[in-house]
Protein backbone atom coordinates (compact mmCIF):
# COMPACT_ATOMS: atom_id res chain seq x y z
CA MET A 1 34.66 -50.95 -50.70
CA VAL A 2 33.19 -47.47 -50.51
CA LYS A 3 30.64 -48.35 -53.20
CA ALA A 4 29.52 -51.43 -51.31
CA GLY A 5 28.99 -49.36 -48.14
CA VAL A 6 26.93 -46.76 -50.02
CA ARG A 7 24.78 -49.46 -51.64
CA GLN A 8 24.24 -51.15 -48.29
CA ALA A 9 23.25 -47.84 -46.59
CA SER A 10 20.85 -46.96 -49.40
CA ALA A 11 19.31 -50.43 -49.23
CA ILE A 12 18.79 -50.12 -45.47
CA GLY A 13 17.38 -46.60 -45.92
CA ALA A 14 14.95 -47.80 -48.62
CA PHE A 15 13.93 -50.74 -46.45
CA GLY A 16 13.26 -48.40 -43.47
CA VAL A 17 11.08 -46.13 -45.60
CA ALA A 18 9.10 -49.16 -46.84
CA VAL A 19 8.55 -50.38 -43.26
CA ILE A 20 7.30 -46.96 -42.11
CA ALA A 21 5.01 -46.60 -45.11
CA THR A 22 3.55 -50.08 -44.55
CA ALA A 23 2.96 -49.37 -40.86
CA GLY A 24 1.18 -46.15 -41.78
CA LEU A 25 -1.09 -47.90 -44.28
CA VAL A 26 -1.92 -50.64 -41.78
CA ALA A 27 -2.76 -48.05 -39.12
CA LEU A 28 -5.02 -46.17 -41.53
CA SER A 29 -6.84 -49.31 -42.61
CA LEU A 30 -7.72 -50.45 -39.08
CA PRO A 31 -11.26 -49.61 -38.00
CA ARG A 32 -11.49 -46.78 -35.50
CA THR A 33 -14.04 -46.60 -32.75
CA ALA A 34 -15.02 -43.20 -31.50
CA GLY A 35 -14.83 -42.81 -27.76
CA ALA A 36 -18.32 -42.74 -26.36
CA GLN A 37 -19.06 -39.64 -24.34
CA GLU A 38 -21.99 -39.51 -22.04
CA PRO A 39 -24.17 -36.43 -22.34
CA SER A 40 -24.12 -33.98 -19.47
CA PRO A 41 -27.14 -34.17 -17.20
CA ILE A 42 -29.68 -31.41 -17.55
CA PHE A 43 -29.44 -28.98 -14.65
CA ASN A 44 -32.73 -28.67 -12.84
CA PRO A 45 -32.68 -26.50 -9.70
CA ALA A 46 -35.72 -28.36 -8.37
CA ASP A 47 -33.64 -31.56 -8.11
CA HIS A 48 -31.14 -29.94 -5.74
CA ALA A 49 -31.55 -29.59 -2.00
CA PRO A 50 -32.61 -26.18 -0.67
CA PRO A 51 -30.02 -24.10 1.21
CA VAL A 52 -29.50 -24.93 4.85
CA GLU A 53 -31.58 -22.73 7.12
CA GLY A 54 -29.91 -20.65 9.79
CA LYS A 55 -26.81 -19.69 7.82
CA PRO A 56 -26.31 -15.99 7.20
CA GLY A 57 -27.45 -14.81 3.79
CA HIS A 58 -24.45 -12.51 3.40
CA PRO A 59 -20.78 -13.14 4.09
CA VAL A 60 -19.48 -12.21 7.50
CA PRO A 61 -16.39 -10.01 7.21
CA SER A 62 -13.20 -11.37 8.69
CA PRO A 63 -10.30 -9.31 10.07
CA ARG A 64 -8.67 -9.55 6.63
CA ASP A 65 -11.70 -7.79 5.12
CA ALA A 66 -10.95 -4.57 7.01
CA ILE A 67 -11.81 -1.37 5.17
CA ALA A 68 -9.00 1.17 5.09
CA ASP A 69 -9.41 4.57 6.74
CA PHE A 70 -6.94 6.13 4.26
CA HIS A 71 -4.35 5.20 1.62
CA LEU A 72 -0.67 6.16 1.25
CA GLU A 73 2.11 5.18 -1.10
CA SER A 74 4.51 2.67 0.43
CA THR A 75 7.44 5.09 0.00
CA VAL A 76 5.75 7.50 2.43
CA LEU A 77 5.81 4.69 5.01
CA GLY A 78 9.58 4.28 4.56
CA PHE A 79 9.65 1.36 2.11
CA ASP A 80 11.56 1.27 -1.15
CA GLN A 81 9.51 1.72 -4.31
CA GLY A 82 7.84 -1.57 -5.29
CA ILE A 83 7.94 -2.94 -1.73
CA GLY A 84 5.36 -2.51 1.02
CA PRO A 85 3.87 -4.24 4.06
CA ALA A 86 1.58 -7.24 3.59
CA VAL A 87 -2.14 -7.16 4.41
CA GLY A 88 -2.85 -7.83 8.09
CA ARG A 89 0.47 -6.48 9.37
CA ASP A 90 0.65 -3.78 12.03
CA ILE A 91 2.80 -0.72 11.31
CA THR A 92 3.32 2.65 12.93
CA TYR A 93 2.80 5.87 11.02
CA ASN A 94 3.15 9.31 12.66
CA GLY A 95 3.43 7.66 16.06
CA LYS A 96 0.12 5.73 15.79
CA LEU A 97 -0.47 2.03 15.28
CA TYR A 98 -2.30 0.98 12.08
CA GLN A 99 -3.24 -2.31 10.48
CA VAL A 100 -2.64 -2.78 6.75
CA ALA A 101 -6.12 -3.28 5.28
CA ASP A 102 -5.27 -3.53 1.59
CA VAL A 103 -2.39 -3.14 -0.86
CA PHE A 104 -2.58 -2.53 -4.60
CA THR A 105 -0.44 -1.04 -7.35
CA ALA A 106 -1.02 2.51 -8.53
CA ASP A 107 -1.27 1.40 -12.16
CA GLY A 108 -3.58 -1.59 -11.59
CA GLN A 109 -1.03 -4.37 -12.06
CA PRO A 110 -1.19 -7.37 -9.71
CA CYS A 111 0.99 -7.38 -6.62
CA PHE A 112 2.28 -10.38 -4.69
CA SER A 113 2.81 -11.23 -1.04
CA GLY A 114 2.91 -15.02 -0.91
CA GLY A 115 2.45 -15.19 2.85
CA SER A 116 5.51 -13.09 3.63
CA ARG A 117 5.63 -9.89 5.68
CA PHE A 118 6.01 -7.83 2.52
CA THR A 119 4.13 -7.15 -0.69
CA ILE A 120 6.00 -6.56 -3.94
CA ALA A 121 4.96 -4.91 -7.18
CA PRO A 122 6.19 -6.06 -10.59
CA ALA A 123 9.03 -4.08 -12.16
CA GLY A 124 9.32 -1.78 -9.16
CA GLY A 125 5.82 -0.36 -9.58
CA ARG A 126 4.29 2.01 -7.04
CA LEU A 127 2.36 0.35 -4.21
CA VAL A 128 -0.57 2.01 -2.47
CA VAL A 129 -1.17 0.85 1.11
CA GLY A 130 -4.53 1.14 2.85
CA LEU A 131 -4.30 1.71 6.61
CA LYS A 132 -6.94 1.21 9.27
CA THR A 133 -6.58 2.39 12.84
CA ALA A 134 -5.59 -0.64 14.90
CA ALA A 135 -7.93 -1.62 17.71
CA ALA A 136 -6.44 -0.69 21.05
CA ALA A 137 -5.45 -3.71 23.04
CA ALA A 138 -7.03 -4.04 26.44
CA VAL A 139 -4.65 -2.61 28.99
CA SER A 140 -4.93 -3.98 32.48
CA VAL A 141 -4.08 -1.46 35.12
CA ALA A 142 -3.37 -2.57 38.63
CA SER A 143 -5.21 -0.56 41.20
CA LEU A 144 -3.46 0.55 44.35
CA LYS A 145 -5.48 0.45 47.55
């Protein structure tokens, strides 16, 4: 009984190998058509429309493009190492209000904010925070007459 089972398994195994080999030969013998690829058009600047008149030739800075007055490490501002405020946030330092203009790591690695209030550095790296003096909000004073 054991011998019959072994013979049957080997026959099925040999049959399976023959089927796979035949399928491979049939696939190789079928003609193949290469996919046609259209050539890229030649770029000719004369074919394109000229720039729209009246737009500024240089980018207009936004509030997020503020240039820092000075830079400090985030630990000086009271944050743990590797954590700092996100760009655009207002913080106080030495009793004055500042806006965070830029944040980068001391060793040049990328840092991440992801839209949160904080910026983090990889592996607890040192963050350098650029501060710009915040614009004073208009204060309305009531006059007494």
